[in-house]
PDB file of N, CA and C in Angstrom:
ATOM      1  N   UNK A   1       0.859  -1.159   0.000  1.00  0.00           N
ATOM      2  CA  UNK A   1       0.000   0.000   0.000  1.00  0.00           C
ATOM      3  C   UNK A   1       0.911   1.229   0.000  1.00  0.00           C
ATOM      4  N   UNK A   2       0.620   2.158  -0.860  1.00  0.00           N
ATOM      5  CA  UNK A   2       1.435   3.374  -0.925  1.00  0.00           C
ATOM      6  C   UNK A   2       1.003   4.338   0.181  1.00  0.00           C
ATOM      7  N   UNK A   3       1.923   5.196   0.638  1.00  0.00           N
ATOM      8  CA  UNK A   3       1.574   6.164   1.690  1.00  0.00           C
ATOM      9  C   UNK A   3       0.400   7.065   1.310  1.00  0.00           C
ATOM     10  N   UNK A   4       0.234   7.352   0.021  1.00  0.00           N
ATOM     11  CA  UNK A   4      -0.874   8.212  -0.418  1.00  0.00           C
ATOM     12  C   UNK A   4      -2.231   7.554  -0.176  1.00  0.00           C
ATOM     13  N   UNK A   5      -2.279   6.235  -0.128  1.00  0.00           N
ATOM     14  CA  UNK A   5      -3.531   5.505   0.057  1.00  0.00           C
ATOM     15  C   UNK A   5      -3.949   5.400   1.519  1.00  0.00           C
ATOM     16  N   UNK A   6      -3.015   5.643   2.442  1.00  0.00           N
ATOM     17  CA  UNK A   6      -3.283   5.473   3.868  1.00  0.00           C
ATOM     18  C   UNK A   6      -4.140   6.623   4.382  1.00  0.00           C
ATOM     19  N   UNK A   7      -5.261   6.269   5.028  1.00  0.00           N
ATOM     20  CA  UNK A   7      -6.115   7.273   5.663  1.00  0.00           C
ATOM     21  C   UNK A   7      -6.901   6.589   6.781  1.00  0.00           C
ATOM     22  N   UNK A   8      -7.150   7.306   7.860  1.00  0.00           N
ATOM     23  CA  UNK A   8      -7.894   6.717   8.977  1.00  0.00           C
ATOM     24  C   UNK A   8      -9.255   6.183   8.527  1.00  0.00           C
ATOM     25  N   UNK A   9      -9.623   5.038   9.088  1.00  0.00           N
ATOM     26  CA  UNK A   9     -10.934   4.459   8.821  1.00  0.00           C
ATOM     27  C   UNK A   9     -10.950   3.368   7.769  1.00  0.00           C
ATOM     28  N   UNK A  10      -9.886   3.235   6.965  1.00  0.00           N
ATOM     29  CA  UNK A  10      -9.920   2.183   5.941  1.00  0.00           C
ATOM     30  C   UNK A  10      -9.546   0.838   6.552  1.00  0.00           C
ATOM     31  N   UNK A  11     -10.078  -0.208   5.973  1.00  0.00           N
ATOM     32  CA  UNK A  11      -9.782  -1.578   6.404  1.00  0.00           C
ATOM     33  C   UNK A  11      -8.550  -2.068   5.660  1.00  0.00           C
ATOM     34  N   UNK A  12      -7.656  -2.716   6.400  1.00  0.00           N
ATOM     35  CA  UNK A  12      -6.408  -3.201   5.826  1.00  0.00           C
ATOM     36  C   UNK A  12      -6.124  -4.622   6.287  1.00  0.00           C
ATOM     37  N   UNK A  13      -5.251  -5.285   5.514  1.00  0.00           N
ATOM     38  CA  UNK A  13      -4.779  -6.627   5.852  1.00  0.00           C
ATOM     39  C   UNK A  13      -3.265  -6.611   5.748  1.00  0.00           C
ATOM     40  N   UNK A  14      -2.599  -7.317   6.659  1.00  0.00           N
ATOM     41  CA  UNK A  14      -1.146  -7.440   6.601  1.00  0.00           C
ATOM     42  C   UNK A  14      -0.798  -8.366   5.441  1.00  0.00           C
ATOM     43  N   UNK A  15       0.200  -7.968   4.655  1.00  0.00           N
ATOM     44  CA  UNK A  15       0.573  -8.740   3.466  1.00  0.00           C
ATOM     45  C   UNK A  15       1.030 -10.152   3.825  1.00  0.00           C
ATOM     46  N   UNK A  16       0.904 -11.051   2.871  1.00  0.00           N
ATOM     47  CA  UNK A  16       1.226 -12.454   3.125  1.00  0.00           C
ATOM     48  C   UNK A  16       2.715 -12.717   3.270  1.00  0.00           C
ATOM     49  N   UNK A  17       3.557 -11.782   2.871  1.00  0.00           N
ATOM     50  CA  UNK A  17       5.006 -11.969   2.985  1.00  0.00           C
ATOM     51  C   UNK A  17       5.613 -11.158   4.124  1.00  0.00           C
ATOM     52  N   UNK A  18       4.799 -10.757   5.107  1.00  0.00           N
ATOM     53  CA  UNK A  18       5.313 -10.003   6.252  1.00  0.00           C
ATOM     54  C   UNK A  18       6.377 -10.838   6.955  1.00  0.00           C
ATOM     55  N   UNK A  19       7.411 -10.166   7.458  1.00  0.00           N
ATOM     56  CA  UNK A  19       8.537 -10.889   8.068  1.00  0.00           C
ATOM     57  C   UNK A  19       8.159 -11.644   9.340  1.00  0.00           C
ATOM     58  N   UNK A  20       7.105 -11.228  10.042  1.00  0.00           N
ATOM     59  CA  UNK A  20       6.636 -11.933  11.238  1.00  0.00           C
ATOM     60  C   UNK A  20       5.452 -12.801  10.820  1.00  0.00           C
ATOM     61  N   UNK A  21       5.661 -14.075  10.778  1.00  0.00           N
ATOM     62  CA  UNK A  21       4.654 -15.000  10.247  1.00  0.00           C
ATOM     63  C   UNK A  21       3.312 -14.892  10.969  1.00  0.00           C
ATOM     64  N   UNK A  22       3.322 -14.674  12.289  1.00  0.00           N
ATOM     65  CA  UNK A  22       2.087 -14.617  13.067  1.00  0.00           C
ATOM     66  C   UNK A  22       1.253 -13.389  12.723  1.00  0.00           C
ATOM     67  N   UNK A  23       1.829 -12.400  12.079  1.00  0.00           N
ATOM     68  CA  UNK A  23       1.078 -11.188  11.735  1.00  0.00           C
ATOM     69  C   UNK A  23       0.528 -11.214  10.316  1.00  0.00           C
ATOM     70  N   UNK A  24       0.935 -12.185   9.531  1.00  0.00           N
ATOM     71  CA  UNK A  24       0.459 -12.284   8.148  1.00  0.00           C
ATOM     72  C   UNK A  24      -1.056 -12.471   8.127  1.00  0.00           C
ATOM     73  N   UNK A  25      -1.715 -11.734   7.258  1.00  0.00           N
ATOM     74  CA  UNK A  25      -3.165 -11.818   7.028  1.00  0.00           C
ATOM     75  C   UNK A  25      -4.017 -11.254   8.161  1.00  0.00           C
ATOM     76  N   UNK A  26      -3.417 -10.624   9.179  1.00  0.00           N
ATOM     77  CA  UNK A  26      -4.237  -9.975  10.205  1.00  0.00           C
ATOM     78  C   UNK A  26      -5.009  -8.827   9.567  1.00  0.00           C
ATOM     79  N   UNK A  27      -6.204  -8.564  10.073  1.00  0.00           N
ATOM     80  CA  UNK A  27      -7.080  -7.549   9.510  1.00  0.00           C
ATOM     81  C   UNK A  27      -7.397  -6.517  10.590  1.00  0.00           C
ATOM     82  N   UNK A  28      -7.497  -5.262  10.159  1.00  0.00           N
ATOM     83  CA  UNK A  28      -7.836  -4.211  11.103  1.00  0.00           C
ATOM     84  C   UNK A  28      -8.215  -2.921  10.395  1.00  0.00           C
ATOM     85  N   UNK A  29      -8.308  -1.849  11.188  1.00  0.00           N
ATOM     86  CA  UNK A  29      -8.702  -0.537  10.694  1.00  0.00           C
ATOM     87  C   UNK A  29      -7.606   0.470  11.009  1.00  0.00           C
ATOM     88  N   UNK A  30      -7.251   1.286  10.031  1.00  0.00           N
ATOM     89  CA  UNK A  30      -6.241   2.320  10.235  1.00  0.00           C
ATOM     90  C   UNK A  30      -6.797   3.368  11.202  1.00  0.00           C
ATOM     91  N   UNK A  31      -6.006   3.661  12.240  1.00  0.00           N
ATOM     92  CA  UNK A  31      -6.388   4.657  13.230  1.00  0.00           C
ATOM     93  C   UNK A  31      -5.686   5.984  12.944  1.00  0.00           C
ATOM     94  N   UNK A  32      -4.395   5.905  12.613  1.00  0.00           N
ATOM     95  CA  UNK A  32      -3.599   7.109  12.360  1.00  0.00           C
ATOM     96  C   UNK A  32      -2.356   6.708  11.582  1.00  0.00           C
ATOM     97  N   UNK A  33      -1.633   7.716  11.099  1.00  0.00           N
ATOM     98  CA  UNK A  33      -0.341   7.456  10.472  1.00  0.00           C
ATOM     99  C   UNK A  33       0.624   8.549  10.880  1.00  0.00           C
ATOM    100  N   UNK A  34       1.906   8.199  10.884  1.00  0.00           N
ATOM    101  CA  UNK A  34       2.943   9.091  11.387  1.00  0.00           C
ATOM    102  C   UNK A  34       4.119   9.096  10.413  1.00  0.00           C
ATOM    103  N   UNK A  35       4.753  10.243  10.263  1.00  0.00           N
ATOM    104  CA  UNK A  35       5.938  10.342   9.437  1.00  0.00           C
ATOM    105  C   UNK A  35       5.635  10.849   8.045  1.00  0.00           C
ATOM    106  N   UNK A  36       6.640  10.721   7.206  1.00  0.00           N
ATOM    107  CA  UNK A  36       6.578  11.197   5.824  1.00  0.00           C
ATOM    108  C   UNK A  36       6.389  10.021   4.870  1.00  0.00           C
ATOM    109  N   UNK A  37       6.277  10.332   3.592  1.00  0.00           N
ATOM    110  CA  UNK A  37       6.051   9.291   2.580  1.00  0.00           C
ATOM    111  C   UNK A  37       7.108   8.189   2.614  1.00  0.00           C
ATOM    112  N   UNK A  38       8.367   8.555   2.776  1.00  0.00           N
ATOM    113  CA  UNK A  38       9.434   7.547   2.740  1.00  0.00           C
ATOM    114  C   UNK A  38       9.467   6.654   3.981  1.00  0.00           C
ATOM    115  N   UNK A  39       9.021   7.171   5.110  1.00  0.00           N
ATOM    116  CA  UNK A  39       9.067   6.421   6.366  1.00  0.00           C
ATOM    117  C   UNK A  39       7.756   6.588   7.116  1.00  0.00           C
ATOM    118  N   UNK A  40       6.674   6.110   6.541  1.00  0.00           N
ATOM    119  CA  UNK A  40       5.364   6.268   7.160  1.00  0.00           C
ATOM    120  C   UNK A  40       5.015   5.026   7.980  1.00  0.00           C
ATOM    121  N   UNK A  41       4.750   5.243   9.259  1.00  0.00           N
ATOM    122  CA  UNK A  41       4.249   4.193  10.135  1.00  0.00           C
ATOM    123  C   UNK A  41       2.734   4.336  10.222  1.00  0.00           C
ATOM    124  N   UNK A  42       2.052   3.207  10.257  1.00  0.00           N
ATOM    125  CA  UNK A  42       0.588   3.207  10.278  1.00  0.00           C
ATOM    126  C   UNK A  42       0.122   2.500  11.542  1.00  0.00           C
ATOM    127  N   UNK A  43      -0.699   3.181  12.324  1.00  0.00           N
ATOM    128  CA  UNK A  43      -1.274   2.630  13.548  1.00  0.00           C
ATOM    129  C   UNK A  43      -2.569   1.916  13.163  1.00  0.00           C
ATOM    130  N   UNK A  44      -2.626   0.610  13.436  1.00  0.00           N
ATOM    131  CA  UNK A  44      -3.766  -0.211  13.030  1.00  0.00           C
ATOM    132  C   UNK A  44      -4.426  -0.834  14.260  1.00  0.00           C
ATOM    133  N   UNK A  45      -5.751  -0.674  14.361  1.00  0.00           N
ATOM    134  CA  UNK A  45      -6.550  -1.354  15.387  1.00  0.00           C
ATOM    135  C   UNK A  45      -6.956  -2.685  14.787  1.00  0.00           C
ATOM    136  N   UNK A  46      -6.303  -3.747  15.233  1.00  0.00           N
ATOM    137  CA  UNK A  46      -6.547  -5.075  14.680  1.00  0.00           C
ATOM    138  C   UNK A  46      -7.830  -5.659  15.244  1.00  0.00           C
ATOM    139  N   UNK A  47      -8.487  -6.492  14.445  1.00  0.00           N
ATOM    140  CA  UNK A  47      -9.626  -7.251  14.950  1.00  0.00           C
ATOM    141  C   UNK A  47      -9.093  -8.102  16.106  1.00  0.00           C
ATOM    142  N   UNK A  48      -9.774  -8.121  17.221  1.00  0.00           N
ATOM    143  CA  UNK A  48      -9.290  -8.810  18.408  1.00  0.00           C
ATOM    144  C   UNK A  48      -8.775  -7.825  19.436  1.00  0.00           C
ATOM    145  N   UNK A  49      -8.966  -6.521  19.186  1.00  0.00           N
ATOM    146  CA  UNK A  49      -8.703  -5.448  20.143  1.00  0.00           C
ATOM    147  C   UNK A  49      -7.227  -5.218  20.461  1.00  0.00           C
ATOM    148  N   UNK A  50      -6.348  -5.372  19.489  1.00  0.00           N
ATOM    149  CA  UNK A  50      -4.936  -5.022  19.631  1.00  0.00           C
ATOM    150  C   UNK A  50      -4.621  -3.856  18.720  1.00  0.00           C
ATOM    151  N   UNK A  51      -3.608  -3.086  19.098  1.00  0.00           N
ATOM    152  CA  UNK A  51      -3.101  -2.014  18.247  1.00  0.00           C
ATOM    153  C   UNK A  51      -1.662  -2.337  17.904  1.00  0.00           C
ATOM    154  N   UNK A  52      -1.275  -2.131  16.633  1.00  0.00           N
ATOM    155  CA  UNK A  52       0.099  -2.364  16.194  1.00  0.00           C
ATOM    156  C   UNK A  52       0.480  -1.311  15.170  1.00  0.00           C
ATOM    157  N   UNK A  53       1.782  -1.033  15.124  1.00  0.00           N
ATOM    158  CA  UNK A  53       2.320  -0.152  14.092  1.00  0.00           C
ATOM    159  C   UNK A  53       2.906  -0.996  12.973  1.00  0.00           C
ATOM    160  N   UNK A  54       2.645  -0.592  11.742  1.00  0.00           N
ATOM    161  CA  UNK A  54       3.191  -1.259  10.564  1.00  0.00           C
ATOM    162  C   UNK A  54       3.734  -0.203   9.617  1.00  0.00           C
ATOM    163  N   UNK A  55       4.641  -0.599   8.747  1.00  0.00           N
ATOM    164  CA  UNK A  55       5.024   0.246   7.619  1.00  0.00           C
ATOM    165  C   UNK A  55       3.888   0.185   6.611  1.00  0.00           C
ATOM    166  N   UNK A  56       3.661   1.253   5.881  1.00  0.00           N
ATOM    167  CA  UNK A  56       2.575   1.252   4.894  1.00  0.00           C
ATOM    168  C   UNK A  56       2.755   0.143   3.865  1.00  0.00           C
ATOM    169  N   UNK A  57       3.994  -0.192   3.544  1.00  0.00           N
ATOM    170  CA  UNK A  57       4.257  -1.245   2.550  1.00  0.00           C
ATOM    171  C   UNK A  57       3.908  -2.642   3.061  1.00  0.00           C
ATOM    172  N   UNK A  58       3.664  -2.795   4.368  1.00  0.00           N
ATOM    173  CA  UNK A  58       3.277  -4.086   4.949  1.00  0.00           C
ATOM    174  C   UNK A  58       1.771  -4.322   4.907  1.00  0.00           C
ATOM    175  N   UNK A  59       1.032  -3.340   4.373  1.00  0.00           N
ATOM    176  CA  UNK A  59      -0.432  -3.415   4.404  1.00  0.00           C
ATOM    177  C   UNK A  59      -1.025  -3.359   3.007  1.00  0.00           C
ATOM    178  N   UNK A  60      -2.217  -3.938   2.879  1.00  0.00           N
ATOM    179  CA  UNK A  60      -2.996  -3.805   1.653  1.00  0.00           C
ATOM    180  C   UNK A  60      -4.427  -3.458   2.046  1.00  0.00           C
ATOM    181  N   UNK A  61      -5.042  -2.575   1.276  1.00  0.00           N
ATOM    182  CA  UNK A  61      -6.413  -2.167   1.558  1.00  0.00           C
ATOM    183  C   UNK A  61      -7.373  -3.283   1.174  1.00  0.00           C
ATOM    184  N   UNK A  62      -8.371  -3.479   2.004  1.00  0.00           N
ATOM    185  CA  UNK A  62      -9.433  -4.431   1.677  1.00  0.00           C
ATOM    186  C   UNK A  62     -10.749  -3.670   1.725  1.00  0.00           C
ATOM    187  N   UNK A  63     -11.692  -4.099   0.930  1.00  0.00           N
ATOM    188  CA  UNK A  63     -12.983  -3.411   0.918  1.00  0.00           C
ATOM    189  C   UNK A  63     -13.823  -3.889   2.089  1.00  0.00           C
ATOM    190  N   UNK A  64     -14.639  -3.028   2.569  1.00  0.00           N
ATOM    191  CA  UNK A  64     -15.522  -3.323   3.693  1.00  0.00           C
ATOM    192  C   UNK A  64     -16.630  -4.268   3.248  1.00  0.00           C
ATOM    193  N   UNK A  65     -16.931  -5.307   4.035  1.00  0.00           N
ATOM    194  CA  UNK A  65     -18.055  -6.183   3.679  1.00  0.00           C
ATOM    195  C   UNK A  65     -19.364  -5.401   3.586  1.00  0.00           C
ATOM    196  N   UNK A  66     -19.514  -4.379   4.421  1.00  0.00           N
ATOM    197  CA  UNK A  66     -20.737  -3.575   4.393  1.00  0.00           C
ATOM    198  C   UNK A  66     -20.886  -2.916   3.024  1.00  0.00           C
ATOM    199  N   UNK A  67     -19.794  -2.339   2.503  1.00  0.00           N
ATOM    200  CA  UNK A  67     -19.849  -1.704   1.181  1.00  0.00           C
ATOM    201  C   UNK A  67     -20.164  -2.743   0.107  1.00  0.00           C
ATOM    202  N   UNK A  68     -19.622  -3.937   0.241  1.00  0.00           N
ATOM    203  CA  UNK A  68     -19.878  -4.992  -0.731  1.00  0.00           C
ATOM    204  C   UNK A  68     -21.367  -5.339  -0.752  1.00  0.00           C
ATOM    205  N   UNK A  69     -21.985  -5.459   0.421  1.00  0.00           N
ATOM    206  CA  UNK A  69     -23.404  -5.784   0.471  1.00  0.00           C
ATOM    207  C   UNK A  69     -24.255  -4.658  -0.086  1.00  0.00           C
ATOM    208  N   UNK A  70     -23.879  -3.410   0.157  1.00  0.00           N
ATOM    209  CA  UNK A  70     -24.634  -2.286  -0.419  1.00  0.00           C
ATOM    210  C   UNK A  70     -24.577  -2.346  -1.936  1.00  0.00           C
ATOM    211  N   UNK A  71     -23.407  -2.671  -2.469  1.00  0.00           N
ATOM    212  CA  UNK A  71     -23.256  -2.785  -3.918  1.00  0.00           C
ATOM    213  C   UNK A  71     -24.127  -3.923  -4.454  1.00  0.00           C
ATOM    214  N   UNK A  72     -24.107  -5.049  -3.775  1.00  0.00           N
ATOM    215  CA  UNK A  72     -24.891  -6.206  -4.191  1.00  0.00           C
ATOM    216  C   UNK A  72     -26.384  -5.885  -4.229  1.00  0.00           C
ATOM    217  N   UNK A  73     -26.848  -5.102  -3.269  1.00  0.00           N
ATOM    218  CA  UNK A  73     -28.246  -4.761  -3.185  1.00  0.00           C
ATOM    219  C   UNK A  73     -28.609  -3.527  -4.017  1.00  0.00           C
ATOM    220  N   UNK A  74     -27.591  -2.934  -4.670  1.00  0.00           N
ATOM    221  CA  UNK A  74     -27.848  -1.789  -5.504  1.00  0.00           C
ATOM    222  C   UNK A  74     -27.985  -0.479  -4.753  1.00  0.00           C
ATOM    223  N   UNK A  75     -27.399  -0.415  -3.541  1.00  0.00           N
ATOM    224  CA  UNK A  75     -27.517   0.776  -2.697  1.00  0.00           C
ATOM    225  C   UNK A  75     -26.325   1.710  -2.808  1.00  0.00           C
ATOM    226  N   UNK A  76     -25.434   1.471  -3.713  1.00  0.00           N
ATOM    227  CA  UNK A  76     -24.268   2.363  -3.845  1.00  0.00           C
ATOM    228  C   UNK A  76     -23.111   1.641  -4.472  1.00  0.00           C
ATOM    229  N   UNK A  77     -21.992   2.306  -4.479  1.00  0.00           N
ATOM    230  CA  UNK A  77     -20.797   1.720  -5.103  1.00  0.00           C
ATOM    231  C   UNK A  77     -20.113   0.787  -4.120  1.00  0.00           C
ATOM    232  N   UNK A  78     -19.259  -0.077  -4.648  1.00  0.00           N
ATOM    233  CA  UNK A  78     -18.533  -1.033  -3.807  1.00  0.00           C
ATOM    234  C   UNK A  78     -17.311  -0.407  -3.166  1.00  0.00           C
ATOM    235  N   UNK A  79     -16.870   0.781  -3.599  1.00  0.00           N
ATOM    236  CA  UNK A  79     -15.652   1.382  -3.084  1.00  0.00           C
ATOM    237  C   UNK A  79     -15.917   2.137  -1.895  1.00  0.00           C
TER     238      UNK A  79
END
């Protein structure tokens, strides 16, 4: 995920090649971000009530299931 894509409230997943195997595929919500584009740390509230800092490159955006259902029912866009 590029630093430009990081914003509070989006749902993210830890990439499958993260160096800490136990953190791979964890899902959460971005709470805040710190630093500049080259060294941006992202504060993530993980499902299961933990908070962790990640580099933006360790994360990928995932779409919200709620948005997916709205799209399926014709109530708006999926994004």
